[in-house]
Amino acid sequence: GPASRPQTRRRGSLRGSPQLRLRFGFVVIAMVLSLFGAR
C-alpha cells in the first residue's frame, strides 16, 4: 500500500497542471496571430 503512492505523484508532475498548459497554448496562438497581423 504505502509503496504505490510515490509512483502516482511522479506521473502527475510530468503532465503538469491544466492551467499551465492553457497558458502555454495562449502564448503560442498569440505569437501566430501577431505574425498574421504584421503581414
ModelCIF file with pLDDT and N, C-alpha, C, O atoms, coordinates in Angstrom:
data_MODEL
#
_entry.id   MODEL 
#
_entity.id                         1 
_entity.type                       polymer 
_entity.pdbx_number_of_molecules   1 
#
_entity_poly.entity_id                      1 
_entity_poly.type                           'polypeptide(L)' 
_entity_poly.nstd_linkage                   no 
_entity_poly.nstd_monomer                   no 
_entity_poly.pdbx_seq_one_letter_code       GPASRPQTRRRGSLRGSPQLRLRFGFVVIAMVLSLFGAR 
_entity_poly.pdbx_seq_one_letter_code_can   GPASRPQTRRRGSLRGSPQLRLRFGFVVIAMVLSLFGAR 
_entity_poly.pdbx_strand_id                 A 
#
loop_
_entity_poly_seq.entity_id 
_entity_poly_seq.num 
_entity_poly_seq.mon_id 
_entity_poly_seq.hetero 
1 1  GLY n 
1 2  PRO n 
1 3  ALA n 
1 4  SER n 
1 5  ARG n 
1 6  PRO n 
1 7  GLN n 
1 8  THR n 
1 9  ARG n 
1 10 ARG n 
1 11 ARG n 
1 12 GLY n 
1 13 SER n 
1 14 LEU n 
1 15 ARG n 
1 16 GLY n 
1 17 SER n 
1 18 PRO n 
1 19 GLN n 
1 20 LEU n 
1 21 ARG n 
1 22 LEU n 
1 23 ARG n 
1 24 PHE n 
1 25 GLY n 
1 26 PHE n 
1 27 VAL n 
1 28 VAL n 
1 29 ILE n 
1 30 ALA n 
1 31 MET n 
1 32 VAL n 
1 33 LEU n 
1 34 SER n 
1 35 LEU n 
1 36 PHE n 
1 37 GLY n 
1 38 ALA n 
1 39 ARG n 
#
_struct_asym.id          A 
_struct_asym.entity_id   1 
#
loop_
_ma_qa_metric.id 
_ma_qa_metric.mode 
_ma_qa_metric.name 
_ma_qa_metric.software_group_id 
_ma_qa_metric.type 
1 global pLDDT . pLDDT 
2 local  pLDDT . pLDDT 
#
_ma_qa_metric_global.metric_id      1 
_ma_qa_metric_global.metric_value   57.23 
_ma_qa_metric_global.model_id       1 
_ma_qa_metric_global.ordinal_id     1 
#
loop_
_ma_qa_metric_local.label_asym_id 
_ma_qa_metric_local.label_comp_id 
_ma_qa_metric_local.label_seq_id 
_ma_qa_metric_local.metric_id 
_ma_qa_metric_local.metric_value 
_ma_qa_metric_local.model_id 
_ma_qa_metric_local.ordinal_id 
A GLY 1  2 43.00 1 1  
A PRO 2  2 40.00 1 2  
A ALA 3  2 41.00 1 3  
A SER 4  2 42.00 1 4  
A ARG 5  2 43.00 1 5  
A PRO 6  2 44.00 1 6  
A GLN 7  2 46.00 1 7  
A THR 8  2 43.00 1 8  
A ARG 9  2 43.00 1 9  
A ARG 10 2 44.00 1 10 
A ARG 11 2 44.00 1 11 
A GLY 12 2 44.00 1 12 
A SER 13 2 45.00 1 13 
A LEU 14 2 43.00 1 14 
A ARG 15 2 50.00 1 15 
A GLY 16 2 56.00 1 16 
A SER 17 2 64.00 1 17 
A PRO 18 2 64.00 1 18 
A GLN 19 2 69.00 1 19 
A LEU 20 2 67.00 1 20 
A ARG 21 2 67.00 1 21 
A LEU 22 2 70.00 1 22 
A ARG 23 2 71.00 1 23 
A PHE 24 2 68.00 1 24 
A GLY 25 2 68.00 1 25 
A PHE 26 2 68.00 1 26 
A VAL 27 2 66.00 1 27 
A VAL 28 2 64.00 1 28 
A ILE 29 2 74.00 1 29 
A ALA 30 2 66.00 1 30 
A MET 31 2 71.00 1 31 
A VAL 32 2 62.00 1 32 
A LEU 33 2 68.00 1 33 
A SER 34 2 67.00 1 34 
A LEU 35 2 66.00 1 35 
A PHE 36 2 62.00 1 36 
A GLY 37 2 61.00 1 37 
A ALA 38 2 59.00 1 38 
A ARG 39 2 59.00 1 39 
#
loop_
_atom_site.group_PDB 
_atom_site.id 
_atom_site.type_symbol 
_atom_site.label_atom_id 
_atom_site.label_alt_id 
_atom_site.label_comp_id 
_atom_site.label_asym_id 
_atom_site.label_entity_id 
_atom_site.label_seq_id 
_atom_site.pdbx_PDB_ins_code 
_atom_site.Cartn_x 
_atom_site.Cartn_y 
_atom_site.Cartn_z 
_atom_site.occupancy 
_atom_site.B_iso_or_equiv 
_atom_site.pdbx_formal_charge 
_atom_site.auth_seq_id 
_atom_site.auth_comp_id 
_atom_site.auth_asym_id 
_atom_site.auth_atom_id 
_atom_site.pdbx_PDB_model_num 
ATOM 1   N N  . GLY A 1 1  ? 0.812  -1.239 0.000   1.00 43.00 ? 1  GLY A N  1 
ATOM 2   C CA . GLY A 1 1  ? 0.000  0.000  0.000   1.00 43.00 ? 1  GLY A CA 1 
ATOM 3   C C  . GLY A 1 1  ? 0.827  1.261  0.000   1.00 43.00 ? 1  GLY A C  1 
ATOM 4   O O  . GLY A 1 1  ? 0.675  2.073  -0.912  1.00 43.00 ? 1  GLY A O  1 
ATOM 5   N N  . PRO A 1 2  ? 1.695  1.471  0.975   1.00 40.00 ? 2  PRO A N  1 
ATOM 6   C CA . PRO A 1 2  ? 2.467  2.710  1.005   1.00 40.00 ? 2  PRO A CA 1 
ATOM 7   C C  . PRO A 1 2  ? 3.407  2.851  -0.189  1.00 40.00 ? 2  PRO A C  1 
ATOM 8   O O  . PRO A 1 2  ? 3.664  3.968  -0.640  1.00 40.00 ? 2  PRO A O  1 
ATOM 9   N N  . ALA A 1 3  ? 3.921  1.742  -0.705  1.00 41.00 ? 3  ALA A N  1 
ATOM 10  C CA . ALA A 1 3  ? 4.880  1.831  -1.823  1.00 41.00 ? 3  ALA A CA 1 
ATOM 11  C C  . ALA A 1 3  ? 4.268  2.371  -3.112  1.00 41.00 ? 3  ALA A C  1 
ATOM 12  O O  . ALA A 1 3  ? 5.005  2.939  -3.918  1.00 41.00 ? 3  ALA A O  1 
ATOM 13  N N  . SER A 1 4  ? 2.992  2.233  -3.350  1.00 42.00 ? 4  SER A N  1 
ATOM 14  C CA . SER A 1 4  ? 2.364  2.652  -4.624  1.00 42.00 ? 4  SER A CA 1 
ATOM 15  C C  . SER A 1 4  ? 2.102  4.150  -4.710  1.00 42.00 ? 4  SER A C  1 
ATOM 16  O O  . SER A 1 4  ? 2.028  4.655  -5.830  1.00 42.00 ? 4  SER A O  1 
ATOM 17  N N  . ARG A 1 5  ? 1.962  4.869  -3.667  1.00 43.00 ? 5  ARG A N  1 
ATOM 18  C CA . ARG A 1 5  ? 1.600  6.295  -3.706  1.00 43.00 ? 5  ARG A CA 1 
ATOM 19  C C  . ARG A 1 5  ? 2.694  7.190  -4.273  1.00 43.00 ? 5  ARG A C  1 
ATOM 20  O O  . ARG A 1 5  ? 2.381  8.081  -5.063  1.00 43.00 ? 5  ARG A O  1 
ATOM 21  N N  . PRO A 1 6  ? 3.978  6.997  -3.907  1.00 44.00 ? 6  PRO A N  1 
ATOM 22  C CA . PRO A 1 6  ? 5.004  7.859  -4.535  1.00 44.00 ? 6  PRO A CA 1 
ATOM 23  C C  . PRO A 1 6  ? 5.054  7.749  -6.052  1.00 44.00 ? 6  PRO A C  1 
ATOM 24  O O  . PRO A 1 6  ? 5.301  8.753  -6.719  1.00 44.00 ? 6  PRO A O  1 
ATOM 25  N N  . GLN A 1 7  ? 4.830  6.573  -6.620  1.00 46.00 ? 7  GLN A N  1 
ATOM 26  C CA . GLN A 1 7  ? 4.834  6.411  -8.089  1.00 46.00 ? 7  GLN A CA 1 
ATOM 27  C C  . GLN A 1 7  ? 3.741  7.257  -8.733  1.00 46.00 ? 7  GLN A C  1 
ATOM 28  O O  . GLN A 1 7  ? 3.960  7.843  -9.793  1.00 46.00 ? 7  GLN A O  1 
ATOM 29  N N  . THR A 1 8  ? 2.605  7.326  -8.128  1.00 43.00 ? 8  THR A N  1 
ATOM 30  C CA . THR A 1 8  ? 1.488  8.111  -8.675  1.00 43.00 ? 8  THR A CA 1 
ATOM 31  C C  . THR A 1 8  ? 1.820  9.592  -8.696  1.00 43.00 ? 8  THR A C  1 
ATOM 32  O O  . THR A 1 8  ? 1.460  10.262 -9.664  1.00 43.00 ? 8  THR A O  1 
ATOM 33  N N  . ARG A 1 9  ? 2.456  10.122 -7.732  1.00 43.00 ? 9  ARG A N  1 
ATOM 34  C CA . ARG A 1 9  ? 2.830  11.539 -7.693  1.00 43.00 ? 9  ARG A CA 1 
ATOM 35  C C  . ARG A 1 9  ? 3.817  11.893 -8.804  1.00 43.00 ? 9  ARG A C  1 
ATOM 36  O O  . ARG A 1 9  ? 3.723  12.964 -9.403  1.00 43.00 ? 9  ARG A O  1 
ATOM 37  N N  . ARG A 1 10 ? 4.759  10.999 -9.078  1.00 44.00 ? 10 ARG A N  1 
ATOM 38  C CA . ARG A 1 10 ? 5.742  11.278 -10.124 1.00 44.00 ? 10 ARG A CA 1 
ATOM 39  C C  . ARG A 1 10 ? 5.090  11.376 -11.499 1.00 44.00 ? 10 ARG A C  1 
ATOM 40  O O  . ARG A 1 10 ? 5.450  12.250 -12.287 1.00 44.00 ? 10 ARG A O  1 
ATOM 41  N N  . ARG A 1 11 ? 4.144  10.502 -11.798 1.00 44.00 ? 11 ARG A N  1 
ATOM 42  C CA . ARG A 1 11 ? 3.462  10.601 -13.099 1.00 44.00 ? 11 ARG A CA 1 
ATOM 43  C C  . ARG A 1 11 ? 2.685  11.910 -13.226 1.00 44.00 ? 11 ARG A C  1 
ATOM 44  O O  . ARG A 1 11 ? 2.680  12.522 -14.294 1.00 44.00 ? 11 ARG A O  1 
ATOM 45  N N  . GLY A 1 12 ? 2.025  12.350 -12.144 1.00 44.00 ? 12 GLY A N  1 
ATOM 46  C CA . GLY A 1 12 ? 1.254  13.611 -12.174 1.00 44.00 ? 12 GLY A CA 1 
ATOM 47  C C  . GLY A 1 12 ? 2.135  14.801 -12.402 1.00 44.00 ? 12 GLY A C  1 
ATOM 48  O O  . GLY A 1 12 ? 1.712  15.719 -13.105 1.00 44.00 ? 12 GLY A O  1 
ATOM 49  N N  . SER A 1 13 ? 3.321  14.859 -11.864 1.00 45.00 ? 13 SER A N  1 
ATOM 50  C CA . SER A 1 13 ? 4.217  16.004 -12.049 1.00 45.00 ? 13 SER A CA 1 
ATOM 51  C C  . SER A 1 13 ? 4.707  16.133 -13.472 1.00 45.00 ? 13 SER A C  1 
ATOM 52  O O  . SER A 1 13 ? 5.017  17.239 -13.916 1.00 45.00 ? 13 SER A O  1 
ATOM 53  N N  . LEU A 1 14 ? 4.787  15.007 -14.217 1.00 43.00 ? 14 LEU A N  1 
ATOM 54  C CA . LEU A 1 14 ? 5.207  15.065 -15.629 1.00 43.00 ? 14 LEU A CA 1 
ATOM 55  C C  . LEU A 1 14 ? 4.135  15.721 -16.505 1.00 43.00 ? 14 LEU A C  1 
ATOM 56  O O  . LEU A 1 14 ? 4.469  16.472 -17.421 1.00 43.00 ? 14 LEU A O  1 
ATOM 57  N N  . ARG A 1 15 ? 2.895  15.459 -16.247 1.00 50.00 ? 15 ARG A N  1 
ATOM 58  C CA . ARG A 1 15 ? 1.832  16.049 -17.066 1.00 50.00 ? 15 ARG A CA 1 
ATOM 59  C C  . ARG A 1 15 ? 1.643  17.539 -16.793 1.00 50.00 ? 15 ARG A C  1 
ATOM 60  O O  . ARG A 1 15 ? 1.221  18.250 -17.705 1.00 50.00 ? 15 ARG A O  1 
ATOM 61  N N  . GLY A 1 16 ? 1.904  18.018 -15.690 1.00 56.00 ? 16 GLY A N  1 
ATOM 62  C CA . GLY A 1 16 ? 1.696  19.426 -15.344 1.00 56.00 ? 16 GLY A CA 1 
ATOM 63  C C  . GLY A 1 16 ? 0.241  19.721 -15.064 1.00 56.00 ? 16 GLY A C  1 
ATOM 64  O O  . GLY A 1 16 ? -0.630 18.885 -15.306 1.00 56.00 ? 16 GLY A O  1 
ATOM 65  N N  . SER A 1 17 ? -0.012 20.879 -14.568 1.00 64.00 ? 17 SER A N  1 
ATOM 66  C CA . SER A 1 17 ? -1.386 21.252 -14.243 1.00 64.00 ? 17 SER A CA 1 
ATOM 67  C C  . SER A 1 17 ? -2.115 21.747 -15.478 1.00 64.00 ? 17 SER A C  1 
ATOM 68  O O  . SER A 1 17 ? -1.464 22.255 -16.391 1.00 64.00 ? 17 SER A O  1 
ATOM 69  N N  . PRO A 1 18 ? -3.415 21.625 -15.552 1.00 64.00 ? 18 PRO A N  1 
ATOM 70  C CA . PRO A 1 18 ? -4.197 22.115 -16.701 1.00 64.00 ? 18 PRO A CA 1 
ATOM 71  C C  . PRO A 1 18 ? -4.029 23.604 -16.931 1.00 64.00 ? 18 PRO A C  1 
ATOM 72  O O  . PRO A 1 18 ? -4.021 24.040 -18.082 1.00 64.00 ? 18 PRO A O  1 
ATOM 73  N N  . GLN A 1 19 ? -3.891 24.414 -15.866 1.00 69.00 ? 19 GLN A N  1 
ATOM 74  C CA . GLN A 1 19 ? -3.745 25.864 -16.009 1.00 69.00 ? 19 GLN A CA 1 
ATOM 75  C C  . GLN A 1 19 ? -2.459 26.212 -16.757 1.00 69.00 ? 19 GLN A C  1 
ATOM 76  O O  . GLN A 1 19 ? -2.429 27.128 -17.580 1.00 69.00 ? 19 GLN A O  1 
ATOM 77  N N  . LEU A 1 20 ? -1.393 25.459 -16.451 1.00 67.00 ? 20 LEU A N  1 
ATOM 78  C CA . LEU A 1 20 ? -0.120 25.728 -17.103 1.00 67.00 ? 20 LEU A CA 1 
ATOM 79  C C  . LEU A 1 20 ? -0.191 25.452 -18.602 1.00 67.00 ? 20 LEU A C  1 
ATOM 80  O O  . LEU A 1 20 ? 0.301  26.239 -19.410 1.00 67.00 ? 20 LEU A O  1 
ATOM 81  N N  . ARG A 1 21 ? -0.796 24.349 -18.961 1.00 67.00 ? 21 ARG A N  1 
ATOM 82  C CA . ARG A 1 21 ? -0.919 24.016 -20.388 1.00 67.00 ? 21 ARG A CA 1 
ATOM 83  C C  . ARG A 1 21 ? -1.768 25.051 -21.128 1.00 67.00 ? 21 ARG A C  1 
ATOM 84  O O  . ARG A 1 21 ? -1.457 25.399 -22.267 1.00 67.00 ? 21 ARG A O  1 
ATOM 85  N N  . LEU A 1 22 ? -2.804 25.531 -20.516 1.00 70.00 ? 22 LEU A N  1 
ATOM 86  C CA . LEU A 1 22 ? -3.676 26.510 -21.162 1.00 70.00 ? 22 LEU A CA 1 
ATOM 87  C C  . LEU A 1 22 ? -2.927 27.816 -21.431 1.00 70.00 ? 22 LEU A C  1 
ATOM 88  O O  . LEU A 1 22 ? -3.061 28.426 -22.493 1.00 70.00 ? 22 LEU A O  1 
ATOM 89  N N  . ARG A 1 23 ? -2.116 28.236 -20.411 1.00 71.00 ? 23 ARG A N  1 
ATOM 90  C CA . ARG A 1 23 ? -1.336 29.459 -20.602 1.00 71.00 ? 23 ARG A CA 1 
ATOM 91  C C  . ARG A 1 23 ? -0.354 29.317 -21.771 1.00 71.00 ? 23 ARG A C  1 
ATOM 92  O O  . ARG A 1 23 ? -0.201 30.230 -22.583 1.00 71.00 ? 23 ARG A O  1 
ATOM 93  N N  . PHE A 1 24 ? 0.295  28.177 -21.841 1.00 68.00 ? 24 PHE A N  1 
ATOM 94  C CA . PHE A 1 24 ? 1.260  27.933 -22.922 1.00 68.00 ? 24 PHE A CA 1 
ATOM 95  C C  . PHE A 1 24 ? 0.581  28.000 -24.300 1.00 68.00 ? 24 PHE A C  1 
ATOM 96  O O  . PHE A 1 24 ? 1.132  28.569 -25.242 1.00 68.00 ? 24 PHE A O  1 
ATOM 97  N N  . GLY A 1 25 ? -0.606 27.421 -24.405 1.00 68.00 ? 25 GLY A N  1 
ATOM 98  C CA . GLY A 1 25 ? -1.335 27.446 -25.686 1.00 68.00 ? 25 GLY A CA 1 
ATOM 99  C C  . GLY A 1 25 ? -1.704 28.850 -26.119 1.00 68.00 ? 25 GLY A C  1 
ATOM 100 O O  . GLY A 1 25 ? -1.608 29.190 -27.298 1.00 68.00 ? 25 GLY A O  1 
ATOM 101 N N  . PHE A 1 26 ? -2.137 29.691 -25.136 1.00 68.00 ? 26 PHE A N  1 
ATOM 102 C CA . PHE A 1 26 ? -2.487 31.070 -25.462 1.00 68.00 ? 26 PHE A CA 1 
ATOM 103 C C  . PHE A 1 26 ? -1.285 31.839 -25.997 1.00 68.00 ? 26 PHE A C  1 
ATOM 104 O O  . PHE A 1 26 ? -1.398 32.648 -26.918 1.00 68.00 ? 26 PHE A O  1 
ATOM 105 N N  . VAL A 1 27 ? -0.124 31.561 -25.390 1.00 66.00 ? 27 VAL A N  1 
ATOM 106 C CA . VAL A 1 27 ? 1.090  32.237 -25.841 1.00 66.00 ? 27 VAL A CA 1 
ATOM 107 C C  . VAL A 1 27 ? 1.403  31.893 -27.280 1.00 66.00 ? 27 VAL A C  1 
ATOM 108 O O  . VAL A 1 27 ? 1.730  32.771 -28.079 1.00 66.00 ? 27 VAL A O  1 
ATOM 109 N N  . VAL A 1 28 ? 1.302  30.587 -27.620 1.00 64.00 ? 28 VAL A N  1 
ATOM 110 C CA . VAL A 1 28 ? 1.589  30.157 -28.990 1.00 64.00 ? 28 VAL A CA 1 
ATOM 111 C C  . VAL A 1 28 ? 0.609  30.795 -29.975 1.00 64.00 ? 28 VAL A C  1 
ATOM 112 O O  . VAL A 1 28 ? 1.026  31.271 -31.031 1.00 64.00 ? 28 VAL A O  1 
ATOM 113 N N  . ILE A 1 29 ? -0.670 30.812 -29.650 1.00 74.00 ? 29 ILE A N  1 
ATOM 114 C CA . ILE A 1 29 ? -1.690 31.398 -30.538 1.00 74.00 ? 29 ILE A CA 1 
ATOM 115 C C  . ILE A 1 29 ? -1.443 32.886 -30.722 1.00 74.00 ? 29 ILE A C  1 
ATOM 116 O O  . ILE A 1 29 ? -1.574 33.415 -31.825 1.00 74.00 ? 29 ILE A O  1 
ATOM 117 N N  . ALA A 1 30 ? -1.083 33.562 -29.627 1.00 66.00 ? 30 ALA A N  1 
ATOM 118 C CA . ALA A 1 30 ? -0.823 34.998 -29.726 1.00 66.00 ? 30 ALA A CA 1 
ATOM 119 C C  . ALA A 1 30 ? 0.336  35.292 -30.647 1.00 66.00 ? 30 ALA A C  1 
ATOM 120 O O  . ALA A 1 30 ? 0.310  36.262 -31.404 1.00 66.00 ? 30 ALA A O  1 
ATOM 121 N N  . MET A 1 31 ? 1.374  34.435 -30.581 1.00 71.00 ? 31 MET A N  1 
ATOM 122 C CA . MET A 1 31 ? 2.526  34.637 -31.443 1.00 71.00 ? 31 MET A CA 1 
ATOM 123 C C  . MET A 1 31 ? 2.142  34.469 -32.914 1.00 71.00 ? 31 MET A C  1 
ATOM 124 O O  . MET A 1 31 ? 2.564  35.253 -33.764 1.00 71.00 ? 31 MET A O  1 
ATOM 125 N N  . VAL A 1 32 ? 1.345  33.449 -33.205 1.00 62.00 ? 32 VAL A N  1 
ATOM 126 C CA . VAL A 1 32 ? 0.923  33.215 -34.597 1.00 62.00 ? 32 VAL A CA 1 
ATOM 127 C C  . VAL A 1 32 ? 0.062  34.368 -35.095 1.00 62.00 ? 32 VAL A C  1 
ATOM 128 O O  . VAL A 1 32 ? 0.260  34.860 -36.206 1.00 62.00 ? 32 VAL A O  1 
ATOM 129 N N  . LEU A 1 33 ? -0.888 34.796 -34.280 1.00 68.00 ? 33 LEU A N  1 
ATOM 130 C CA . LEU A 1 33 ? -1.742 35.905 -34.684 1.00 68.00 ? 33 LEU A CA 1 
ATOM 131 C C  . LEU A 1 33 ? -0.931 37.176 -34.888 1.00 68.00 ? 33 LEU A C  1 
ATOM 132 O O  . LEU A 1 33 ? -1.252 37.975 -35.768 1.00 68.00 ? 33 LEU A O  1 
ATOM 133 N N  . SER A 1 34 ? 0.080  37.370 -34.118 1.00 67.00 ? 34 SER A N  1 
ATOM 134 C CA . SER A 1 34 ? 0.939  38.544 -34.293 1.00 67.00 ? 34 SER A CA 1 
ATOM 135 C C  . SER A 1 34 ? 1.622  38.530 -35.646 1.00 67.00 ? 34 SER A C  1 
ATOM 136 O O  . SER A 1 34 ? 1.738  39.554 -36.318 1.00 67.00 ? 34 SER A O  1 
ATOM 137 N N  . LEU A 1 35 ? 2.079  37.327 -36.034 1.00 66.00 ? 35 LEU A N  1 
ATOM 138 C CA . LEU A 1 35 ? 2.713  37.210 -37.349 1.00 66.00 ? 35 LEU A CA 1 
ATOM 139 C C  . LEU A 1 35 ? 1.723  37.540 -38.463 1.00 66.00 ? 35 LEU A C  1 
ATOM 140 O O  . LEU A 1 35 ? 2.052  38.277 -39.392 1.00 66.00 ? 35 LEU A O  1 
ATOM 141 N N  . PHE A 1 36 ? 0.497  36.987 -38.368 1.00 62.00 ? 36 PHE A N  1 
ATOM 142 C CA . PHE A 1 36 ? -0.526 37.281 -39.374 1.00 62.00 ? 36 PHE A CA 1 
ATOM 143 C C  . PHE A 1 36 ? -0.876 38.767 -39.383 1.00 62.00 ? 36 PHE A C  1 
ATOM 144 O O  . PHE A 1 36 ? -1.068 39.361 -40.444 1.00 62.00 ? 36 PHE A O  1 
ATOM 145 N N  . GLY A 1 37 ? -0.957 39.359 -38.197 1.00 61.00 ? 37 GLY A N  1 
ATOM 146 C CA . GLY A 1 37 ? -1.291 40.779 -38.105 1.00 61.00 ? 37 GLY A CA 1 
ATOM 147 C C  . GLY A 1 37 ? -0.235 41.643 -38.743 1.00 61.00 ? 37 GLY A C  1 
ATOM 148 O O  . GLY A 1 37 ? -0.538 42.603 -39.451 1.00 61.00 ? 37 GLY A O  1 
ATOM 149 N N  . ALA A 1 38 ? 1.022  41.291 -38.484 1.00 59.00 ? 38 ALA A N  1 
ATOM 150 C CA . ALA A 1 38 ? 2.107  42.067 -39.087 1.00 59.00 ? 38 ALA A CA 1 
ATOM 151 C C  . ALA A 1 38 ? 2.069  41.977 -40.608 1.00 59.00 ? 38 ALA A C  1 
ATOM 152 O O  . ALA A 1 38 ? 2.278  42.966 -41.311 1.00 59.00 ? 38 ALA A O  1 
ATOM 153 N N  . ARG A 1 39 ? 1.796  40.769 -41.100 1.00 59.00 ? 39 ARG A N  1 
ATOM 154 C CA . ARG A 1 39 ? 1.712  40.596 -42.560 1.00 59.00 ? 39 ARG A CA 1 
ATOM 155 C C  . ARG A 1 39 ? 0.541  41.389 -43.133 1.00 59.00 ? 39 ARG A C  1 
ATOM 156 O O  . ARG A 1 39 ? 0.313  41.366 -44.343 1.00 59.00 ? 39 ARG A O  1 
#
